[in-house]
PDB file of N, CA and C in Angstrom:
ATOM      1  N   MET A   1     -39.641 -33.718 -55.795  1.00  0.00           N
ATOM      2  CA  MET A   1     -40.569 -32.733 -56.323  1.00  0.00           C
ATOM      3  C   MET A   1     -39.985 -31.490 -56.893  1.00  0.00           C
ATOM      4  N   ALA A   2     -39.094 -30.973 -56.422  1.00  0.00           N
ATOM      5  CA  ALA A   2     -38.610 -29.751 -56.852  1.00  0.00           C
ATOM      6  C   ALA A   2     -37.870 -29.931 -58.128  1.00  0.00           C
ATOM      7  N   ALA A   3     -37.056 -31.091 -58.223  1.00  0.00           N
ATOM      8  CA  ALA A   3     -36.320 -31.381 -59.504  1.00  0.00           C
ATOM      9  C   ALA A   3     -37.390 -31.667 -60.526  1.00  0.00           C
ATOM     10  N   SER A   4     -38.540 -32.494 -60.396  1.00  0.00           N
ATOM     11  CA  SER A   4     -39.560 -32.440 -61.444  1.00  0.00           C
ATOM     12  C   SER A   4     -40.329 -31.424 -61.738  1.00  0.00           C
ATOM     13  N   ASN A   5     -40.319 -30.290 -60.891  1.00  0.00           N
ATOM     14  CA  ASN A   5     -41.159 -29.082 -60.970  1.00  0.00           C
ATOM     15  C   ASN A   5     -40.074 -28.326 -62.101  1.00  0.00           C
ATOM     16  N   ASN A   6     -38.974 -28.440 -62.181  1.00  0.00           N
ATOM     17  CA  ASN A   6     -38.155 -27.702 -63.039  1.00  0.00           C
ATOM     18  C   ASN A   6     -38.548 -28.077 -64.529  1.00  0.00           C
ATOM     19  N   GLN A   7     -38.918 -29.090 -64.820  1.00  0.00           N
ATOM     20  CA  GLN A   7     -39.429 -29.859 -65.996  1.00  0.00           C
ATOM     21  C   GLN A   7     -40.648 -29.575 -66.440  1.00  0.00           C
ATOM     22  N   THR A   8     -41.435 -28.774 -65.607  1.00  0.00           N
ATOM     23  CA  THR A   8     -43.028 -28.558 -65.867  1.00  0.00           C
ATOM     24  C   THR A   8     -43.225 -27.635 -67.028  1.00  0.00           C
ATOM     25  N   GLY A   9     -43.994 -27.795 -68.019  1.00  0.00           N
ATOM     26  CA  GLY A   9     -44.129 -27.208 -69.057  1.00  0.00           C
ATOM     27  C   GLY A   9     -45.172 -25.938 -68.794  1.00  0.00           C
ATOM     28  N   ASN A  10     -45.895 -26.520 -68.133  1.00  0.00           N
ATOM     29  CA  ASN A  10     -47.049 -25.423 -67.704  1.00  0.00           C
ATOM     30  C   ASN A  10     -46.691 -24.527 -66.524  1.00  0.00           C
ATOM     31  N   GLN A  11     -46.307 -23.187 -66.908  1.00  0.00           N
ATOM     32  CA  GLN A  11     -46.125 -22.253 -66.071  1.00  0.00           C
ATOM     33  C   GLN A  11     -46.878 -21.989 -64.938  1.00  0.00           C
ATOM     34  N   THR A  12     -48.036 -21.879 -65.120  1.00  0.00           N
ATOM     35  CA  THR A  12     -49.074 -21.764 -64.025  1.00  0.00           C
ATOM     36  C   THR A  12     -48.792 -22.669 -62.920  1.00  0.00           C
ATOM     37  N   LYS A  13     -48.865 -23.959 -63.442  1.00  0.00           N
ATOM     38  CA  LYS A  13     -48.623 -25.143 -62.584  1.00  0.00           C
ATOM     39  C   LYS A  13     -47.189 -24.896 -61.686  1.00  0.00           C
ATOM     40  N   ARG A  14     -46.401 -24.719 -62.760  1.00  0.00           N
ATOM     41  CA  ARG A  14     -44.796 -24.681 -62.035  1.00  0.00           C
ATOM     42  C   ARG A  14     -44.728 -23.653 -60.981  1.00  0.00           C
ATOM     43  N   SER A  15     -45.428 -22.336 -61.131  1.00  0.00           N
ATOM     44  CA  SER A  15     -45.547 -21.334 -60.078  1.00  0.00           C
ATOM     45  C   SER A  15     -46.248 -21.858 -58.829  1.00  0.00           C
ATOM     46  N   ASP A  16     -47.522 -22.561 -59.112  1.00  0.00           N
ATOM     47  CA  ASP A  16     -48.130 -22.811 -57.903  1.00  0.00           C
ATOM     48  C   ASP A  16     -47.223 -23.785 -57.087  1.00  0.00           C
ATOM     49  N   ILE A  17     -46.753 -24.713 -57.642  1.00  0.00           N
ATOM     50  CA  ILE A  17     -45.882 -25.825 -57.054  1.00  0.00           C
ATOM     51  C   ILE A  17     -44.728 -25.264 -56.491  1.00  0.00           C
ATOM     52  N   ALA A  18     -43.966 -24.309 -57.021  1.00  0.00           N
ATOM     53  CA  ALA A  18     -42.949 -23.667 -56.448  1.00  0.00           C
ATOM     54  C   ALA A  18     -43.112 -22.813 -55.387  1.00  0.00           C
ATOM     55  N   ALA A  19     -44.474 -21.971 -55.609  1.00  0.00           N
ATOM     56  CA  ALA A  19     -44.855 -21.343 -54.148  1.00  0.00           C
ATOM     57  C   ALA A  19     -45.091 -22.092 -53.088  1.00  0.00           C
ATOM     58  N   GLN A  20     -45.603 -23.464 -53.331  1.00  0.00           N
ATOM     59  CA  GLN A  20     -45.876 -24.250 -52.034  1.00  0.00           C
ATOM     60  C   GLN A  20     -44.538 -24.889 -51.562  1.00  0.00           C
ATOM     61  N   LEU A  21     -43.478 -25.271 -52.549  1.00  0.00           N
ATOM     62  CA  LEU A  21     -42.487 -25.568 -52.107  1.00  0.00           C
ATOM     63  C   LEU A  21     -41.761 -24.656 -51.323  1.00  0.00           C
ATOM     64  N   PHE A  22     -41.720 -23.415 -52.065  1.00  0.00           N
ATOM     65  CA  PHE A  22     -40.995 -22.153 -50.906  1.00  0.00           C
ATOM     66  C   PHE A  22     -41.552 -22.258 -49.464  1.00  0.00           C
ATOM     67  N   GLU A  23     -42.949 -22.311 -49.342  1.00  0.00           N
ATOM     68  CA  GLU A  23     -43.493 -22.458 -48.063  1.00  0.00           C
ATOM     69  C   GLU A  23     -42.862 -23.319 -47.203  1.00  0.00           C
ATOM     70  N   ALA A  24     -42.869 -24.603 -47.776  1.00  0.00           N
ATOM     71  CA  ALA A  24     -42.606 -25.957 -47.202  1.00  0.00           C
ATOM     72  C   ALA A  24     -40.899 -25.880 -46.641  1.00  0.00           C
ATOM     73  N   TYR A  25     -40.036 -25.183 -47.788  1.00  0.00           N
ATOM     74  CA  TYR A  25     -38.636 -25.286 -47.129  1.00  0.00           C
ATOM     75  C   TYR A  25     -38.340 -23.885 -46.447  1.00  0.00           C
ATOM     76  N   SER A  26     -39.211 -23.049 -46.502  1.00  0.00           N
ATOM     77  CA  SER A  26     -39.224 -22.096 -45.328  1.00  0.00           C
ATOM     78  C   SER A  26     -39.724 -22.476 -44.010  1.00  0.00           C
ATOM     79  N   ALA A  27     -40.596 -23.491 -43.689  1.00  0.00           N
ATOM     80  CA  ALA A  27     -41.077 -24.173 -42.418  1.00  0.00           C
ATOM     81  C   ALA A  27     -39.729 -24.766 -41.945  1.00  0.00           C
ATOM     82  N   LEU A  28     -39.204 -25.499 -42.788  1.00  0.00           N
ATOM     83  CA  LEU A  28     -38.162 -26.454 -42.595  1.00  0.00           C
ATOM     84  C   LEU A  28     -36.863 -25.768 -42.073  1.00  0.00           C
ATOM     85  N   SER A  29     -36.771 -24.487 -42.433  1.00  0.00           N
ATOM     86  CA  SER A  29     -35.455 -23.720 -41.972  1.00  0.00           C
ATOM     87  C   SER A  29     -35.520 -23.475 -40.761  1.00  0.00           C
ATOM     88  N   CYS A  30     -36.847 -23.690 -39.985  1.00  0.00           N
ATOM     89  CA  CYS A  30     -36.766 -23.438 -38.435  1.00  0.00           C
ATOM     90  C   CYS A  30     -36.559 -24.590 -37.765  1.00  0.00           C
ATOM     91  N   CYS A  31     -36.390 -26.064 -38.370  1.00  0.00           N
ATOM     92  CA  CYS A  31     -36.152 -27.070 -37.725  1.00  0.00           C
ATOM     93  C   CYS A  31     -34.736 -27.387 -37.559  1.00  0.00           C
ATOM     94  N   SER A  32     -34.394 -28.325 -36.698  1.00  0.00           N
ATOM     95  CA  SER A  32     -33.049 -28.772 -36.460  1.00  0.00           C
ATOM     96  C   SER A  32     -32.861 -30.119 -37.234  1.00  0.00           C
ATOM     97  N   LEU A  33     -31.891 -30.192 -38.372  1.00  0.00           N
ATOM     98  CA  LEU A  33     -31.844 -31.158 -39.263  1.00  0.00           C
ATOM     99  C   LEU A  33     -30.552 -31.793 -39.462  1.00  0.00           C
ATOM    100  N   SER A  34     -30.420 -32.910 -39.559  1.00  0.00           N
ATOM    101  CA  SER A  34     -29.037 -33.572 -39.646  1.00  0.00           C
ATOM    102  C   SER A  34     -28.159 -33.237 -40.713  1.00  0.00           C
ATOM    103  N   GLU A  35     -27.041 -33.334 -40.707  1.00  0.00           N
ATOM    104  CA  GLU A  35     -26.171 -32.838 -41.689  1.00  0.00           C
ATOM    105  C   GLU A  35     -26.361 -33.697 -42.999  1.00  0.00           C
ATOM    106  N   GLN A  36     -26.605 -35.071 -42.751  1.00  0.00           N
ATOM    107  CA  GLN A  36     -26.975 -35.780 -44.101  1.00  0.00           C
ATOM    108  C   GLN A  36     -28.225 -35.322 -44.643  1.00  0.00           C
ATOM    109  N   LEU A  37     -29.180 -35.048 -43.870  1.00  0.00           N
ATOM    110  CA  LEU A  37     -30.474 -34.492 -44.622  1.00  0.00           C
ATOM    111  C   LEU A  37     -30.329 -33.269 -45.294  1.00  0.00           C
ATOM    112  N   ILE A  38     -29.689 -32.346 -44.634  1.00  0.00           N
ATOM    113  CA  ILE A  38     -29.292 -31.006 -45.245  1.00  0.00           C
ATOM    114  C   ILE A  38     -28.372 -31.139 -46.817  1.00  0.00           C
ATOM    115  N   ALA A  39     -27.377 -32.066 -46.637  1.00  0.00           N
ATOM    116  CA  ALA A  39     -26.480 -32.080 -47.775  1.00  0.00           C
ATOM    117  C   ALA A  39     -27.487 -33.010 -48.894  1.00  0.00           C
ATOM    118  N   GLU A  40     -28.265 -34.191 -48.507  1.00  0.00           N
ATOM    119  CA  GLU A  40     -28.538 -35.009 -49.413  1.00  0.00           C
ATOM    120  C   GLU A  40     -29.839 -34.698 -50.131  1.00  0.00           C
ATOM    121  N   ALA A  41     -30.806 -33.928 -49.134  1.00  0.00           N
ATOM    122  CA  ALA A  41     -32.232 -33.717 -49.647  1.00  0.00           C
ATOM    123  C   ALA A  41     -32.374 -32.108 -49.645  1.00  0.00           C
ATOM    124  N   LEU A  42     -32.062 -31.349 -48.725  1.00  0.00           N
ATOM    125  CA  LEU A  42     -32.356 -30.088 -48.675  1.00  0.00           C
ATOM    126  C   LEU A  42     -31.838 -29.180 -49.347  1.00  0.00           C
ATOM    127  N   LEU A  43     -30.517 -29.256 -49.729  1.00  0.00           N
ATOM    128  CA  LEU A  43     -29.652 -28.227 -50.468  1.00  0.00           C
ATOM    129  C   LEU A  43     -29.986 -28.703 -52.082  1.00  0.00           C
ATOM    130  N   PRO A  44     -29.991 -30.051 -52.406  1.00  0.00           N
ATOM    131  CA  PRO A  44     -30.467 -30.230 -53.743  1.00  0.00           C
ATOM    132  C   PRO A  44     -31.843 -29.790 -54.140  1.00  0.00           C
ATOM    133  N   GLY A  45     -32.835 -29.734 -53.178  1.00  0.00           N
ATOM    134  CA  GLY A  45     -34.163 -29.101 -53.481  1.00  0.00           C
ATOM    135  C   GLY A  45     -34.160 -27.921 -53.709  1.00  0.00           C
ATOM    136  N   LEU A  46     -33.491 -27.220 -52.604  1.00  0.00           N
ATOM    137  CA  LEU A  46     -33.477 -25.781 -52.579  1.00  0.00           C
ATOM    138  C   LEU A  46     -32.745 -25.163 -53.873  1.00  0.00           C
ATOM    139  N   ARG A  47     -31.983 -25.926 -54.411  1.00  0.00           N
ATOM    140  CA  ARG A  47     -31.171 -25.380 -55.549  1.00  0.00           C
ATOM    141  C   ARG A  47     -32.126 -25.354 -56.770  1.00  0.00           C
ATOM    142  N   CYS A  48     -32.874 -26.606 -56.903  1.00  0.00           N
ATOM    143  CA  CYS A  48     -33.793 -26.590 -57.924  1.00  0.00           C
ATOM    144  C   CYS A  48     -34.882 -25.612 -57.741  1.00  0.00           C
ATOM    145  N   LEU A  49     -35.343 -25.347 -56.505  1.00  0.00           N
ATOM    146  CA  LEU A  49     -36.271 -24.407 -56.296  1.00  0.00           C
ATOM    147  C   LEU A  49     -35.788 -22.969 -56.880  1.00  0.00           C
ATOM    148  N   LEU A  50     -34.567 -22.809 -56.786  1.00  0.00           N
ATOM    149  CA  LEU A  50     -33.971 -21.564 -57.009  1.00  0.00           C
ATOM    150  C   LEU A  50     -33.899 -21.373 -58.841  1.00  0.00           C
ATOM    151  N   LEU A  51     -33.842 -22.365 -59.251  1.00  0.00           N
ATOM    152  CA  LEU A  51     -33.922 -22.409 -60.689  1.00  0.00           C
ATOM    153  C   LEU A  51     -35.347 -22.108 -61.053  1.00  0.00           C
ATOM    154  N   ASP A  52     -36.376 -22.777 -60.546  1.00  0.00           N
ATOM    155  CA  ASP A  52     -37.725 -22.187 -60.650  1.00  0.00           C
ATOM    156  C   ASP A  52     -37.950 -20.769 -60.485  1.00  0.00           C
ATOM    157  N   MET A  53     -37.490 -20.388 -59.256  1.00  0.00           N
ATOM    158  CA  MET A  53     -37.686 -18.845 -58.779  1.00  0.00           C
ATOM    159  C   MET A  53     -37.219 -17.882 -60.176  1.00  0.00           C
ATOM    160  N   GLU A  54     -35.949 -18.326 -60.529  1.00  0.00           N
ATOM    161  CA  GLU A  54     -35.125 -17.628 -61.653  1.00  0.00           C
ATOM    162  C   GLU A  54     -35.936 -17.552 -62.880  1.00  0.00           C
ATOM    163  N   ALA A  55     -36.292 -18.831 -63.235  1.00  0.00           N
ATOM    164  CA  ALA A  55     -37.332 -18.996 -64.560  1.00  0.00           C
ATOM    165  C   ALA A  55     -38.523 -18.122 -64.450  1.00  0.00           C
ATOM    166  N   LEU A  56     -39.152 -18.181 -63.233  1.00  0.00           N
ATOM    167  CA  LEU A  56     -40.667 -17.566 -63.033  1.00  0.00           C
ATOM    168  C   LEU A  56     -40.541 -15.927 -62.949  1.00  0.00           C
ATOM    169  N   GLY A  57     -39.097 -15.720 -62.531  1.00  0.00           N
ATOM    170  CA  GLY A  57     -39.103 -14.114 -62.228  1.00  0.00           C
ATOM    171  C   GLY A  57     -39.511 -13.666 -61.157  1.00  0.00           C
ATOM    172  N   GLU A  58     -39.365 -14.610 -60.284  1.00  0.00           N
ATOM    173  CA  GLU A  58     -39.577 -14.469 -58.681  1.00  0.00           C
ATOM    174  C   GLU A  58     -38.506 -13.818 -57.912  1.00  0.00           C
ATOM    175  N   ALA A  59     -38.151 -12.632 -58.255  1.00  0.00           N
ATOM    176  CA  ALA A  59     -37.101 -11.954 -57.596  1.00  0.00           C
ATOM    177  C   ALA A  59     -36.898 -12.140 -56.049  1.00  0.00           C
ATOM    178  N   HIS A  60     -37.942 -11.670 -55.466  1.00  0.00           N
ATOM    179  CA  HIS A  60     -38.005 -11.572 -54.086  1.00  0.00           C
ATOM    180  C   HIS A  60     -37.779 -13.156 -53.632  1.00  0.00           C
ATOM    181  N   MET A  61     -38.490 -13.875 -53.785  1.00  0.00           N
ATOM    182  CA  MET A  61     -38.501 -15.255 -53.489  1.00  0.00           C
ATOM    183  C   MET A  61     -37.053 -15.949 -53.839  1.00  0.00           C
ATOM    184  N   GLN A  62     -36.363 -15.470 -54.925  1.00  0.00           N
ATOM    185  CA  GLN A  62     -35.369 -15.899 -55.432  1.00  0.00           C
ATOM    186  C   GLN A  62     -34.174 -15.594 -54.630  1.00  0.00           C
ATOM    187  N   GLU A  63     -34.221 -14.492 -53.914  1.00  0.00           N
ATOM    188  CA  GLU A  63     -33.262 -13.692 -52.877  1.00  0.00           C
ATOM    189  C   GLU A  63     -33.335 -14.599 -51.652  1.00  0.00           C
ATOM    190  N   VAL A  64     -34.513 -14.912 -51.229  1.00  0.00           N
ATOM    191  CA  VAL A  64     -34.814 -15.642 -49.846  1.00  0.00           C
ATOM    192  C   VAL A  64     -34.285 -16.997 -50.128  1.00  0.00           C
ATOM    193  N   VAL A  65     -34.655 -17.833 -51.306  1.00  0.00           N
ATOM    194  CA  VAL A  65     -34.163 -19.116 -51.397  1.00  0.00           C
ATOM    195  C   VAL A  65     -32.424 -19.087 -51.633  1.00  0.00           C
ATOM    196  N   SER A  66     -31.984 -18.161 -52.163  1.00  0.00           N
ATOM    197  CA  SER A  66     -30.483 -18.101 -52.338  1.00  0.00           C
ATOM    198  C   SER A  66     -29.805 -17.871 -51.010  1.00  0.00           C
ATOM    199  N   ALA A  67     -30.562 -17.006 -50.188  1.00  0.00           N
ATOM    200  CA  ALA A  67     -30.100 -16.931 -48.772  1.00  0.00           C
ATOM    201  C   ALA A  67     -30.275 -18.231 -47.813  1.00  0.00           C
ATOM    202  N   MET A  68     -31.211 -18.938 -48.216  1.00  0.00           N
ATOM    203  CA  MET A  68     -31.329 -20.170 -47.168  1.00  0.00           C
ATOM    204  C   MET A  68     -30.255 -21.236 -47.806  1.00  0.00           C
ATOM    205  N   VAL A  69     -30.035 -21.243 -49.031  1.00  0.00           N
ATOM    206  CA  VAL A  69     -28.842 -22.247 -49.823  1.00  0.00           C
ATOM    207  C   VAL A  69     -27.643 -21.607 -48.950  1.00  0.00           C
ATOM    208  N   ARG A  70     -27.387 -20.401 -48.905  1.00  0.00           N
ATOM    209  CA  ARG A  70     -26.036 -20.053 -48.176  1.00  0.00           C
ATOM    210  C   ARG A  70     -25.861 -20.538 -46.592  1.00  0.00           C
ATOM    211  N   ASP A  71     -27.227 -20.049 -46.021  1.00  0.00           N
ATOM    212  CA  ASP A  71     -27.239 -20.427 -44.795  1.00  0.00           C
ATOM    213  C   ASP A  71     -26.981 -21.992 -44.453  1.00  0.00           C
ATOM    214  N   TYR A  72     -27.701 -22.600 -45.251  1.00  0.00           N
ATOM    215  CA  TYR A  72     -27.281 -24.280 -45.117  1.00  0.00           C
ATOM    216  C   TYR A  72     -25.824 -24.601 -45.484  1.00  0.00           C
ATOM    217  N   GLN A  73     -25.416 -24.222 -46.563  1.00  0.00           N
ATOM    218  CA  GLN A  73     -24.140 -24.393 -46.839  1.00  0.00           C
ATOM    219  C   GLN A  73     -23.153 -24.059 -45.652  1.00  0.00           C
ATOM    220  N   SER A  74     -23.430 -22.908 -45.054  1.00  0.00           N
ATOM    221  CA  SER A  74     -22.586 -22.569 -44.059  1.00  0.00           C
ATOM    222  C   SER A  74     -22.707 -23.302 -42.597  1.00  0.00           C
ATOM    223  N   ARG A  75     -23.801 -23.877 -42.492  1.00  0.00           N
ATOM    224  CA  ARG A  75     -24.198 -24.593 -41.530  1.00  0.00           C
ATOM    225  C   ARG A  75     -23.314 -26.034 -41.385  1.00  0.00           C
ATOM    226  N   LEU A  76     -23.387 -26.430 -42.949  1.00  0.00           N
ATOM    227  CA  LEU A  76     -22.406 -27.667 -43.008  1.00  0.00           C
ATOM    228  C   LEU A  76     -21.045 -27.655 -43.056  1.00  0.00           C
ATOM    229  N   GLU A  77     -20.551 -26.351 -43.381  1.00  0.00           N
ATOM    230  CA  GLU A  77     -19.344 -26.010 -43.369  1.00  0.00           C
ATOM    231  C   GLU A  77     -18.900 -25.512 -41.627  1.00  0.00           C
ATOM    232  N   ALA A  78     -19.782 -25.275 -40.922  1.00  0.00           N
ATOM    233  CA  ALA A  78     -19.321 -24.933 -39.458  1.00  0.00           C
ATOM    234  C   ALA A  78     -19.568 -26.399 -38.812  1.00  0.00           C
ATOM    235  N   ARG A  79     -20.343 -27.208 -39.240  1.00  0.00           N
ATOM    236  CA  ARG A  79     -20.239 -28.667 -38.499  1.00  0.00           C
ATOM    237  C   ARG A  79     -19.410 -29.525 -38.898  1.00  0.00           C
ATOM    238  N   SER A  80     -18.748 -29.461 -40.040  1.00  0.00           N
ATOM    239  CA  SER A  80     -17.527 -29.992 -40.468  1.00  0.00           C
ATOM    240  C   SER A  80     -16.288 -29.888 -39.799  1.00  0.00           C
ATOM    241  N   GLN A  81     -15.926 -28.400 -39.414  1.00  0.00           N
ATOM    242  CA  GLN A  81     -15.001 -28.300 -38.682  1.00  0.00           C
ATOM    243  C   GLN A  81     -15.206 -28.496 -37.226  1.00  0.00           C
ATOM    244  N   ALA A  82     -14.460 -29.719 -36.710  1.00  0.00           N
ATOM    245  CA  ALA A  82     -14.477 -30.034 -35.750  1.00  0.00           C
ATOM    246  C   ALA A  82     -13.876 -29.171 -34.666  1.00  0.00           C
ATOM    247  N   PRO A  83     -14.455 -28.839 -33.383  1.00  0.00           N
ATOM    248  CA  PRO A  83     -14.009 -28.084 -32.388  1.00  0.00           C
ATOM    249  C   PRO A  83     -12.588 -28.485 -31.858  1.00  0.00           C
ATOM    250  N   LEU A  84     -11.678 -27.591 -31.481  1.00  0.00           N
ATOM    251  CA  LEU A  84     -10.313 -28.158 -31.150  1.00  0.00           C
ATOM    252  C   LEU A  84     -10.476 -28.787 -29.585  1.00  0.00           C
ATOM    253  N   SER A  85     -10.056 -30.100 -29.540  1.00  0.00           N
ATOM    254  CA  SER A  85      -9.770 -30.594 -28.136  1.00  0.00           C
ATOM    255  C   SER A  85      -8.975 -29.630 -27.258  1.00  0.00           C
ATOM    256  N   THR A  86      -9.016 -30.074 -25.989  1.00  0.00           N
ATOM    257  CA  THR A  86      -8.179 -29.247 -25.049  1.00  0.00           C
ATOM    258  C   THR A  86      -6.661 -29.326 -25.219  1.00  0.00           C
ATOM    259  N   ASP A  87      -6.522 -30.521 -25.394  1.00  0.00           N
ATOM    260  CA  ASP A  87      -4.975 -30.699 -25.840  1.00  0.00           C
ATOM    261  C   ASP A  87      -4.518 -29.950 -26.904  1.00  0.00           C
ATOM    262  N   ASP A  88      -5.307 -29.853 -28.048  1.00  0.00           N
ATOM    263  CA  ASP A  88      -5.103 -29.103 -29.172  1.00  0.00           C
ATOM    264  C   ASP A  88      -5.087 -27.582 -29.088  1.00  0.00           C
ATOM    265  N   LEU A  89      -6.026 -27.234 -28.164  1.00  0.00           N
ATOM    266  CA  LEU A  89      -6.123 -25.654 -27.730  1.00  0.00           C
ATOM    267  C   LEU A  89      -4.905 -25.458 -27.068  1.00  0.00           C
ATOM    268  N   LYS A  90      -4.659 -26.206 -26.112  1.00  0.00           N
ATOM    269  CA  LYS A  90      -3.365 -25.932 -25.279  1.00  0.00           C
ATOM    270  C   LYS A  90      -2.001 -25.743 -25.944  1.00  0.00           C
ATOM    271  N   ALA A  91      -1.823 -26.779 -27.047  1.00  0.00           N
ATOM    272  CA  ALA A  91      -0.753 -26.754 -27.857  1.00  0.00           C
ATOM    273  C   ALA A  91      -0.665 -25.435 -28.867  1.00  0.00           C
ATOM    274  N   THR A  92      -1.912 -24.970 -29.566  1.00  0.00           N
ATOM    275  CA  THR A  92      -1.852 -23.921 -30.155  1.00  0.00           C
ATOM    276  C   THR A  92      -1.718 -22.525 -29.368  1.00  0.00           C
ATOM    277  N   VAL A  93      -2.239 -22.394 -27.829  1.00  0.00           N
ATOM    278  CA  VAL A  93      -1.828 -21.395 -27.330  1.00  0.00           C
ATOM    279  C   VAL A  93      -0.292 -21.486 -26.812  1.00  0.00           C
ATOM    280  N   MET A  94       0.643 -22.375 -26.575  1.00  0.00           N
ATOM    281  CA  MET A  94       1.866 -22.509 -26.222  1.00  0.00           C
ATOM    282  C   MET A  94       2.559 -22.142 -27.370  1.00  0.00           C
ATOM    283  N   SER A  95       2.264 -22.582 -28.603  1.00  0.00           N
ATOM    284  CA  SER A  95       2.976 -22.333 -29.857  1.00  0.00           C
ATOM    285  C   SER A  95       2.988 -20.843 -30.094  1.00  0.00           C
ATOM    286  N   ARG A  96       1.806 -20.430 -29.871  1.00  0.00           N
ATOM    287  CA  ARG A  96       1.990 -18.816 -30.000  1.00  0.00           C
ATOM    288  C   ARG A  96       2.690 -18.232 -29.007  1.00  0.00           C
ATOM    289  N   ILE A  97       2.444 -18.547 -27.632  1.00  0.00           N
ATOM    290  CA  ILE A  97       3.260 -17.863 -26.781  1.00  0.00           C
ATOM    291  C   ILE A  97       4.829 -18.056 -26.922  1.00  0.00           C
ATOM    292  N   LYS A  98       5.469 -19.281 -27.494  1.00  0.00           N
ATOM    293  CA  LYS A  98       6.513 -19.473 -27.782  1.00  0.00           C
ATOM    294  C   LYS A  98       7.150 -18.500 -29.167  1.00  0.00           C
ATOM    295  N   ASP A  99       6.118 -18.298 -30.121  1.00  0.00           N
ATOM    296  CA  ASP A  99       6.584 -17.488 -31.128  1.00  0.00           C
ATOM    297  C   ASP A  99       6.558 -15.889 -30.723  1.00  0.00           C
ATOM    298  N   THR A 100       6.235 -15.468 -29.630  1.00  0.00           N
ATOM    299  CA  THR A 100       6.592 -14.042 -29.423  1.00  0.00           C
ATOM    300  C   THR A 100       7.670 -14.203 -28.229  1.00  0.00           C
ATOM    301  N   ASN A 101       8.197 -12.813 -28.184  1.00  0.00           N
ATOM    302  CA  ASN A 101       9.454 -12.645 -27.139  1.00  0.00           C
ATOM    303  C   ASN A 101       8.713 -12.631 -25.831  1.00  0.00           C
ATOM    304  N   ILE A 102       8.302 -13.350 -25.134  1.00  0.00           N
ATOM    305  CA  ILE A 102       7.638 -13.194 -23.794  1.00  0.00           C
ATOM    306  C   ILE A 102       8.833 -13.156 -22.765  1.00  0.00           C
ATOM    307  N   SER A 103      10.059 -13.243 -22.906  1.00  0.00           N
ATOM    308  CA  SER A 103      11.024 -13.339 -21.948  1.00  0.00           C
ATOM    309  C   SER A 103      11.503 -11.858 -21.399  1.00  0.00           C
ATOM    310  N   ASN A 104      11.199 -10.939 -22.380  1.00  0.00           N
ATOM    311  CA  ASN A 104      11.046  -9.600 -21.982  1.00  0.00           C
ATOM    312  C   ASN A 104      10.245  -8.838 -20.978  1.00  0.00           C
ATOM    313  N   ILE A 105       9.105  -9.681 -20.888  1.00  0.00           N
ATOM    314  CA  ILE A 105       7.970  -8.991 -20.234  1.00  0.00           C
ATOM    315  C   ILE A 105       8.582  -9.189 -18.764  1.00  0.00           C
ATOM    316  N   PHE A 106       9.176  -9.965 -18.329  1.00  0.00           N
ATOM    317  CA  PHE A 106       9.614 -10.283 -16.964  1.00  0.00           C
ATOM    318  C   PHE A 106      10.948  -9.383 -16.375  1.00  0.00           C
ATOM    319  N   THR A 107      11.636  -8.699 -17.414  1.00  0.00           N
ATOM    320  CA  THR A 107      12.843  -8.047 -17.061  1.00  0.00           C
ATOM    321  C   THR A 107      12.533  -6.665 -16.607  1.00  0.00           C
ATOM    322  N   ARG A 108      13.426  -6.263 -15.841  1.00  0.00           N
ATOM    323  CA  ARG A 108      13.063  -5.133 -14.999  1.00  0.00           C
ATOM    324  C   ARG A 108      13.682  -3.772 -15.946  1.00  0.00           C
ATOM    325  N   LYS A 109      12.869  -3.091 -16.014  1.00  0.00           N
ATOM    326  CA  LYS A 109      13.090  -1.523 -16.943  1.00  0.00           C
ATOM    327  C   LYS A 109      14.180  -0.817 -15.951  1.00  0.00           C
ATOM    328  N   LYS A 110      15.027  -0.334 -16.757  1.00  0.00           N
ATOM    329  CA  LYS A 110      16.094   0.500 -15.887  1.00  0.00           C
ATOM    330  C   LYS A 110      15.893   1.854 -16.256  1.00  0.00           C
TER     331      LYS A 110
END
């Protein structure tokens, strides 16, 4: 719907639909959504809505939609970075300890 709204020649109709889409996407931003839904449906629709907001000169809504796009992109990036396993975490900590000169900590100062 957002993509087809970009092609609407009637500016009044385009503005009305864009406003309704804005409300719908704003409501969805409070929901827990799968990565697939965000990547395949939500982000492309938001980008189309952003084009409408730019074309219609809706500066405030444009800023909000831009922020939603950035937020969803960062959510996807955060989810794609898998957390370290316990073994990976131990290896990382041990390698950092080895890199420092920890042997001097236990020597007695004279």
